[in-house]
Amino acid sequence: MTTLTQPSRRLFLGTAVLGLGAAAAQLALPATAMAQAAPSPANAGGALAGFGPLRQVDAGLLNVGYAELGPADGRVAILLHGWPYDIHSFADVAPRLAAAGWRVIVPHLRGHGTTRFLSAATMRNGQQAAVALDIVALMDALHIRKAVFGAFDWGARTADIIAAMFPERVEGLVSVSGYLINNREAIKAPLPPAAEYAWWYQFYFATEHGRVGYEKNRHDFNKLIWKTASPKWAFSDAEFDRSAASFDNPDHVDVVIHNYRWRQSLAEGEARYDELERRLAAGPTIAVPTIVLEGDANGAPHATGDAAFRAKFTGPYNYRVITGGIGHNLPQEAPREFAQAVLDVATLKA
C-alpha cells in the first residue's frame, strides 16, 4: 500500500509538505486483447479471467506483461495497480472502458506477474522514479503518445509522477487518494504513535527478519493487507488467489523490500534517477485534468478529505468519495464508479 496517513507529514508520503451497465463487462473481447503470451506463473494454462492471455513487450529495462482490450485506434487508458495487488484490480474496469471504445492497457508493474527484467545485472529497484519511467518506456514501446491514467496505490504515485513531470503524455488523471509523490526528507519526521502504527509493515520490511518473513509468507502477508486495507470488502479466496499468483514473480520480494527501504532512506536508489528524484522531492504540482477518488472505508493510511493535497492540483479537478463500504482497492471494489471517473476526466473542465 502506498496511500496517505495522518497527520499531514506523511500525507503524500511526504511531499514538500506537505453509466455503463454491467453488460459491458460481458462483451466479447476484441482481437487486440487476444494476443498469445508464453505461459508463466501468473498466466499458466490459458486465459486470465477478465482479460484473455497477456501480451509481452520489451520496454526500457523490462519485458512487460500487460493486458490490452478495446480497439487499437481508440482513445487510450492506462490502468496501474499497486501493492499488494496486480492487474486484476481492473478486471471489471477494463472491459467497461473497452466497450465504450477505448484502447485499454493494464500492465504488471516491475516485480509483479509476467513482467521481467531484461538483464540479471539490473538493480531490482523499487524507487518511485524507476517505476514511473517504466511506464513512460512502455508508452514509447507501444507508440502511445498520450493517455488517460487511472490508478491507485503504487500505481497512483506512478501516474502522479508522470502527470507532474511529463504532462504532455497525460490527457487526464484518476488518482485514488490524491497526491502521493514521495519526499524522503519529510518522511524522516516522526509521527504520533497511532499514525506510525498504521505503517507497521514498512518498519517490518526495514529489517532482515521482515525481508525473510515476507519471502516465506508473502501469500498470507498480502492477504492480511487486503483485509486491513479493505475491511468491509468480502473478497473470496479465489479473487485473492488470482492476484496472488503475481507475487510469485522472481523479483517481487526484492522490488517490494527496496521500495519501502528506499522511502525510509535505509536503501539507496540509482544515480540514473537522481535528477528526477530531486525534482520530485520539491513537490511539483499537477496541471492535467484530475479526478481524485476515495473509498469511504479505506483501511490504509490516508487523508480525511482532500484539503492536505488540494493545492497540488492546479488544473480542472474533482474530488469524489465512493460510499458503500469501499476500501483501498477501489477499482476492484467499485469498478463502475472507477470506470466512470476515467470517462469523465477526459472531458473535465475547470
Protein backbone atom coordinates (compact mmCIF):
# COMPACT_ATOMS: atom_id res chain seq x y z
CA MET A 1 0.00 0.00 0.00
CA THR A 2 1.17 3.50 -0.62
CA THR A 3 -1.54 5.91 0.29
CA LEU A 4 -1.83 8.63 2.85
CA THR A 5 -1.69 8.85 6.60
CA GLN A 6 -2.42 11.42 9.26
CA PRO A 7 -1.18 13.91 10.22
CA SER A 8 -0.16 15.65 7.03
CA ARG A 9 3.61 15.00 7.17
CA ARG A 10 3.22 11.62 5.51
CA LEU A 11 0.04 12.57 3.75
CA PHE A 12 1.58 12.24 0.39
CA LEU A 13 4.23 10.05 1.89
CA GLY A 14 6.00 13.26 2.44
CA THR A 15 5.89 15.68 -0.46
CA ALA A 16 7.32 19.07 0.28
CA VAL A 17 4.82 19.16 2.89
CA LEU A 18 3.24 18.94 2.74
CA GLY A 19 -23.42 4.76 -16.63
CA LEU A 20 -22.02 1.91 -18.15
CA GLY A 21 -24.15 -1.13 -17.38
CA ALA A 22 -22.88 -4.47 -16.09
CA ALA A 23 -23.48 -5.93 -19.53
CA ALA A 24 -20.43 -4.10 -20.80
CA ALA A 25 -18.19 -6.32 -18.74
CA GLN A 26 -19.61 -9.37 -20.51
CA LEU A 27 -18.86 -8.23 -24.05
CA ALA A 28 -16.56 -10.46 -26.07
CA LEU A 29 -13.04 -9.10 -26.06
CA PRO A 30 -11.78 -7.67 -29.34
CA ALA A 31 -8.87 -9.15 -31.20
CA THR A 32 -6.39 -6.71 -29.64
CA ALA A 33 -6.93 -8.38 -26.28
CA MET A 34 -6.24 -11.87 -27.51
CA ALA A 35 -2.54 -11.93 -28.42
CA GLN A 36 -0.88 -15.05 -27.11
CA ALA A 37 1.80 -14.95 -24.42
CA ALA A 38 4.12 -17.67 -23.24
CA PRO A 39 2.77 -19.50 -20.16
CA SER A 40 4.05 -18.13 -16.86
CA PRO A 41 3.19 -18.46 -13.16
CA ALA A 42 0.62 -15.68 -13.45
CA ASN A 43 -0.87 -16.85 -16.71
CA ALA A 44 -0.23 -20.62 -16.92
CA GLY A 45 -2.89 -22.69 -18.54
CA GLY A 46 -4.52 -20.06 -20.71
CA ALA A 47 -6.78 -17.07 -20.30
CA LEU A 48 -6.78 -14.82 -17.29
CA ALA A 49 -10.30 -14.11 -16.11
CA GLY A 50 -11.39 -10.70 -17.31
CA PHE A 51 -8.59 -10.17 -19.82
CA GLY A 52 -7.59 -13.08 -22.02
CA PRO A 53 -3.95 -14.11 -22.41
CA LEU A 54 -1.40 -11.41 -21.72
CA ARG A 55 0.90 -9.70 -24.20
CA GLN A 56 4.62 -9.09 -23.62
CA VAL A 57 6.76 -6.22 -24.91
CA ASP A 58 10.32 -5.06 -24.29
CA ALA A 59 10.19 -1.56 -22.80
CA GLY A 60 13.14 0.16 -21.19
CA LEU A 61 14.70 -2.17 -18.61
CA LEU A 62 11.83 -4.64 -18.68
CA ASN A 63 9.88 -7.16 -20.66
CA VAL A 64 6.44 -6.01 -19.58
CA GLY A 65 3.41 -8.25 -19.27
CA TYR A 66 0.19 -6.41 -19.97
CA ALA A 67 -3.44 -6.87 -20.86
CA GLU A 68 -4.88 -4.98 -23.81
CA LEU A 69 -8.57 -4.56 -24.54
CA GLY A 70 -10.57 -2.47 -26.96
CA PRO A 71 -9.98 -1.09 -30.46
CA ALA A 72 -6.40 -0.36 -31.49
CA ASP A 73 -7.40 3.11 -32.67
CA GLY A 74 -9.38 4.01 -29.56
CA ARG A 75 -8.65 6.69 -27.01
CA VAL A 76 -6.04 5.23 -24.65
CA ALA A 77 -6.47 4.47 -20.95
CA ILE A 78 -3.56 3.10 -18.92
CA LEU A 79 -4.58 1.47 -15.64
CA LEU A 80 -1.93 1.00 -12.95
CA HIS A 81 -2.18 -1.27 -9.91
CA GLY A 82 -0.44 -1.05 -6.55
CA TRP A 83 0.97 -3.32 -3.87
CA PRO A 84 -0.03 -5.94 -2.89
CA TYR A 85 -2.30 -6.14 -5.91
CA ASP A 86 -1.99 -6.79 -9.64
CA ILE A 87 -3.76 -6.17 -12.94
CA HIS A 88 -6.88 -7.97 -11.72
CA SER A 89 -7.81 -4.90 -9.72
CA PHE A 90 -9.06 -3.68 -13.13
CA ALA A 91 -10.66 -6.91 -14.35
CA ASP A 92 -14.12 -5.29 -14.28
CA VAL A 93 -12.99 -1.76 -15.16
CA ALA A 94 -11.11 -2.52 -18.37
CA PRO A 95 -13.99 -4.24 -20.21
CA ARG A 96 -16.29 -1.31 -19.40
CA LEU A 97 -13.85 1.13 -20.96
CA ALA A 98 -13.24 -1.15 -23.94
CA ALA A 99 -16.99 -1.37 -24.50
CA ALA A 100 -17.05 2.44 -24.66
CA GLY A 101 -14.49 2.34 -27.48
CA TRP A 102 -11.27 2.86 -25.52
CA ARG A 103 -7.96 1.08 -26.03
CA VAL A 104 -7.12 -0.11 -22.51
CA ILE A 105 -3.60 -1.06 -21.37
CA VAL A 106 -3.16 -2.76 -17.97
CA PRO A 107 0.50 -3.56 -17.21
CA HIS A 108 2.07 -5.54 -14.42
CA LEU A 109 4.46 -3.24 -12.58
CA ARG A 110 8.07 -4.37 -12.10
CA GLY A 111 8.24 -7.30 -9.70
CA HIS A 112 4.70 -8.45 -10.50
CA GLY A 113 3.09 -11.02 -12.76
CA THR A 114 4.76 -11.72 -16.09
CA THR A 115 6.93 -8.59 -16.09
CA ARG A 116 10.64 -9.44 -16.03
CA PHE A 117 13.93 -7.53 -16.05
CA LEU A 118 15.80 -7.87 -19.33
CA SER A 119 19.17 -8.14 -17.57
CA ALA A 120 20.20 -10.07 -14.48
CA ALA A 121 22.61 -7.21 -13.77
CA THR A 122 19.88 -4.56 -13.38
CA MET A 123 19.22 -3.50 -9.80
CA ARG A 124 15.85 -4.71 -8.53
CA ASN A 125 14.95 -1.16 -7.68
CA GLY A 126 11.56 -0.15 -6.30
CA GLN A 127 12.07 3.62 -6.03
CA GLN A 128 9.33 5.84 -7.37
CA ALA A 129 11.26 7.33 -10.30
CA ALA A 130 12.20 3.90 -11.64
CA VAL A 131 8.61 2.66 -11.64
CA ALA A 132 7.36 5.84 -13.31
CA LEU A 133 9.94 5.69 -16.08
CA ASP A 134 9.00 2.05 -16.69
CA ILE A 135 5.55 3.24 -17.73
CA VAL A 136 6.88 6.04 -19.93
CA ALA A 137 9.07 3.43 -21.66
CA LEU A 138 6.01 1.19 -22.08
CA MET A 139 4.12 4.04 -23.74
CA ASP A 140 7.02 4.53 -26.12
CA ALA A 141 7.23 0.81 -26.90
CA LEU A 142 3.50 0.72 -27.70
CA HIS A 143 3.66 4.00 -29.67
CA ILE A 144 1.25 5.70 -27.28
CA ARG A 145 1.76 9.45 -27.31
CA LYS A 146 -0.81 10.36 -24.69
CA ALA A 147 -3.23 8.55 -22.37
CA VAL A 148 -5.69 8.93 -19.56
CA PHE A 149 -4.29 7.29 -16.43
CA GLY A 150 -6.43 5.51 -13.84
CA ALA A 151 -4.50 4.26 -10.83
CA PHE A 152 -4.26 3.52 -7.12
CA ASP A 153 -1.55 2.88 -4.54
CA TRP A 154 1.91 2.44 -6.21
CA GLY A 155 0.11 2.98 -9.49
CA ALA A 156 -1.35 6.31 -8.36
CA ARG A 157 2.08 7.52 -7.28
CA THR A 158 3.43 6.47 -10.68
CA ALA A 159 0.63 8.24 -12.54
CA ASP A 160 1.02 11.34 -10.35
CA ILE A 161 4.73 11.49 -11.26
CA ILE A 162 4.08 11.14 -14.98
CA ALA A 163 1.35 13.80 -14.81
CA ALA A 164 3.65 16.19 -12.92
CA MET A 165 6.86 15.64 -14.87
CA PHE A 166 5.63 14.57 -18.33
CA PRO A 167 2.25 16.32 -18.68
CA GLU A 168 2.44 16.13 -22.46
CA ARG A 169 1.92 12.35 -22.09
CA VAL A 170 -1.19 12.65 -19.90
CA GLU A 171 -4.66 13.52 -21.13
CA GLY A 172 -6.24 13.10 -17.70
CA LEU A 173 -5.60 11.52 -14.31
CA VAL A 174 -7.79 9.45 -11.99
CA SER A 175 -5.81 9.07 -8.76
CA VAL A 176 -7.13 7.17 -5.75
CA SER A 177 -6.24 9.03 -2.52
CA GLY A 178 -4.78 12.04 -4.29
CA TYR A 179 -1.19 13.24 -4.40
CA LEU A 180 1.29 10.53 -3.43
CA ILE A 181 4.70 11.71 -4.65
CA ASN A 182 7.39 10.94 -2.06
CA ASN A 183 9.76 13.30 -0.30
CA ARG A 184 12.21 11.18 1.69
CA GLU A 185 13.41 14.07 3.87
CA ALA A 186 9.88 14.85 5.00
CA ILE A 187 9.25 11.18 5.79
CA LYS A 188 12.06 11.28 8.37
CA ALA A 189 9.96 13.36 10.76
CA PRO A 190 8.28 11.08 13.33
CA LEU A 191 4.51 10.77 13.51
CA PRO A 192 2.25 10.29 16.54
CA PRO A 193 2.14 6.64 17.67
CA ALA A 194 -1.24 5.83 16.13
CA ALA A 195 -0.11 7.07 12.72
CA GLU A 196 3.20 5.18 12.94
CA TYR A 197 1.31 2.03 13.89
CA ALA A 198 -0.58 2.18 10.58
CA TRP A 199 2.75 1.77 8.80
CA TRP A 200 3.81 -1.33 10.73
CA TYR A 201 4.70 -3.27 7.58
CA GLN A 202 7.03 -0.51 6.41
CA PHE A 203 9.10 -0.91 9.59
CA TYR A 204 8.89 -4.71 9.36
CA PHE A 205 10.35 -4.52 5.86
CA ALA A 206 13.22 -2.41 7.19
CA THR A 207 14.65 -5.47 8.94
CA GLU A 208 16.25 -8.61 7.57
CA HIS A 209 13.75 -10.54 9.67
CA GLY A 210 10.99 -8.79 7.72
CA ARG A 211 12.54 -9.49 4.35
CA VAL A 212 12.85 -13.19 5.14
CA GLY A 213 9.36 -13.21 6.62
CA TYR A 214 7.87 -11.64 3.52
CA GLU A 215 9.72 -14.06 1.26
CA LYS A 216 8.37 -17.01 3.24
CA ASN A 217 4.85 -15.78 3.95
CA ARG A 218 4.01 -13.39 1.12
CA HIS A 219 0.66 -15.09 0.35
CA ASP A 220 -0.70 -14.79 3.89
CA PHE A 221 1.04 -11.45 4.46
CA ASN A 222 -0.60 -9.86 1.45
CA LYS A 223 -3.97 -11.36 2.25
CA LEU A 224 -3.75 -9.68 5.65
CA ILE A 225 -3.02 -6.37 3.95
CA TRP A 226 -6.04 -6.84 1.71
CA LYS A 227 -8.23 -7.40 4.77
CA THR A 228 -6.94 -4.44 6.74
CA ALA A 229 -6.92 -2.07 3.76
CA SER A 230 -10.47 -3.00 2.73
CA PRO A 231 -12.14 -4.10 5.97
CA LYS A 232 -15.67 -4.21 4.51
CA TRP A 233 -14.79 -5.94 1.23
CA ALA A 234 -15.87 -9.59 1.32
CA PHE A 235 -13.45 -10.80 -1.34
CA SER A 236 -13.28 -14.54 -1.96
CA ASP A 237 -10.25 -16.79 -1.68
CA ALA A 238 -10.44 -17.24 -5.45
CA GLU A 239 -10.30 -13.48 -6.02
CA PHE A 240 -7.26 -13.14 -3.83
CA ASP A 241 -5.50 -16.19 -5.27
CA ARG A 242 -5.99 -14.86 -8.81
CA SER A 243 -3.86 -11.84 -7.89
CA ALA A 244 -1.56 -13.72 -5.51
CA ALA A 245 -0.09 -15.66 -8.44
CA SER A 246 1.55 -12.39 -9.49
CA PHE A 247 3.53 -12.25 -6.24
CA ASP A 248 5.45 -15.36 -7.32
CA ASN A 249 7.42 -13.17 -9.71
CA PRO A 250 11.12 -13.88 -9.03
CA ASP A 251 11.85 -10.18 -8.46
CA HIS A 252 8.80 -9.43 -6.34
CA VAL A 253 10.36 -9.55 -2.88
CA ASP A 254 13.46 -7.59 -3.88
CA VAL A 255 11.42 -4.82 -5.53
CA VAL A 256 8.93 -4.52 -2.67
CA ILE A 257 11.56 -4.51 0.07
CA HIS A 258 13.67 -1.95 -1.78
CA ASN A 259 10.63 0.27 -2.34
CA TYR A 260 9.90 0.59 1.37
CA ARG A 261 13.52 0.77 2.49
CA TRP A 262 14.22 3.48 -0.10
CA ARG A 263 11.32 5.54 1.22
CA GLN A 264 12.76 5.35 4.73
CA SER A 265 16.24 6.34 3.44
CA LEU A 266 17.51 2.92 4.51
CA ALA A 267 18.47 1.95 0.95
CA GLU A 268 19.94 3.96 -1.88
CA GLY A 269 18.45 4.25 -5.33
CA GLU A 270 20.35 4.50 -8.60
CA ALA A 271 22.25 7.55 -9.80
CA ARG A 272 20.38 7.49 -13.11
CA TYR A 273 17.26 8.66 -11.23
CA ASP A 274 18.88 11.31 -9.02
CA GLU A 275 17.85 14.36 -11.05
CA LEU A 276 14.25 13.21 -11.38
CA GLU A 277 14.08 12.42 -7.66
CA ARG A 278 15.44 15.88 -6.86
CA ARG A 279 12.61 17.44 -8.84
CA LEU A 280 10.02 15.15 -7.28
CA ALA A 281 11.19 16.00 -3.77
CA ALA A 282 10.21 19.61 -4.45
CA GLY A 283 6.55 18.54 -4.65
CA PRO A 284 5.71 19.52 -8.25
CA THR A 285 2.13 20.48 -8.98
CA ILE A 286 -0.13 18.62 -11.41
CA ALA A 287 -1.94 20.69 -14.03
CA VAL A 288 -3.67 17.98 -16.07
CA PRO A 289 -7.40 17.36 -15.53
CA THR A 290 -7.72 15.21 -12.41
CA ILE A 291 -10.37 13.30 -10.52
CA VAL A 292 -9.35 12.11 -7.06
CA LEU A 293 -11.31 9.14 -5.72
CA GLU A 294 -11.52 7.90 -2.15
CA GLY A 295 -13.39 4.97 -0.63
CA ASP A 296 -15.46 5.60 2.47
CA ALA A 297 -14.00 2.50 4.18
CA ASN A 298 -10.35 2.77 3.15
CA GLY A 299 -8.40 0.99 5.88
CA ALA A 300 -5.00 2.01 4.51
CA PRO A 301 -3.33 5.14 5.88
CA HIS A 302 -4.95 8.04 4.06
CA ALA A 303 -6.12 11.64 4.42
CA THR A 304 -9.58 12.64 5.54
CA GLY A 305 -10.81 14.79 2.70
CA ASP A 306 -8.57 16.46 0.16
CA ALA A 307 -7.54 19.64 2.00
CA ALA A 308 -3.97 18.42 2.59
CA PHE A 309 -3.21 17.97 -1.12
CA ARG A 310 -5.82 20.04 -2.97
CA ALA A 311 -3.31 22.79 -3.81
CA LYS A 312 -1.11 20.27 -5.64
CA PHE A 313 -3.71 20.01 -8.42
CA THR A 314 -3.81 23.25 -10.39
CA GLY A 315 -5.89 22.18 -13.38
CA PRO A 316 -9.52 21.05 -13.72
CA TYR A 317 -10.26 19.00 -10.61
CA ASN A 318 -12.96 16.93 -8.97
CA TYR A 319 -12.95 15.01 -5.66
CA ARG A 320 -15.29 12.05 -5.17
CA VAL A 321 -15.87 9.85 -2.14
CA ILE A 322 -17.28 6.46 -3.16
CA THR A 323 -19.64 5.18 -0.47
CA GLY A 324 -20.95 1.73 0.42
CA GLY A 325 -18.02 0.28 2.37
CA ILE A 326 -15.42 0.81 -0.38
CA GLY A 327 -11.85 0.20 0.71
CA HIS A 328 -8.36 0.72 -0.62
CA ASN A 329 -8.62 -1.44 -3.75
CA LEU A 330 -11.19 0.95 -5.17
CA PRO A 331 -11.21 -0.11 -8.84
CA GLN A 332 -11.93 -3.74 -7.94
CA GLU A 333 -14.44 -2.86 -5.24
CA ALA A 334 -16.24 -0.13 -7.21
CA PRO A 335 -15.45 -0.79 -10.90
CA ARG A 336 -18.41 1.11 -12.31
CA GLU A 337 -17.54 4.27 -10.41
CA PHE A 338 -13.86 3.97 -11.30
CA ALA A 339 -14.58 3.45 -14.99
CA GLN A 340 -16.97 6.38 -14.98
CA ALA A 341 -14.27 8.62 -13.50
CA VAL A 342 -11.91 7.64 -16.34
CA LEU A 343 -14.61 8.55 -18.86
CA ASP A 344 -15.42 11.79 -17.09
CA VAL A 345 -11.85 13.07 -16.57
CA ALA A 346 -11.19 13.03 -20.31
CA THR A 347 -13.72 15.87 -20.67
CA LEU A 348 -13.31 17.57 -17.26
CA LYS A 349 -13.37 21.34 -17.43
CA ALA A 350 -12.11 23.92 -14.97
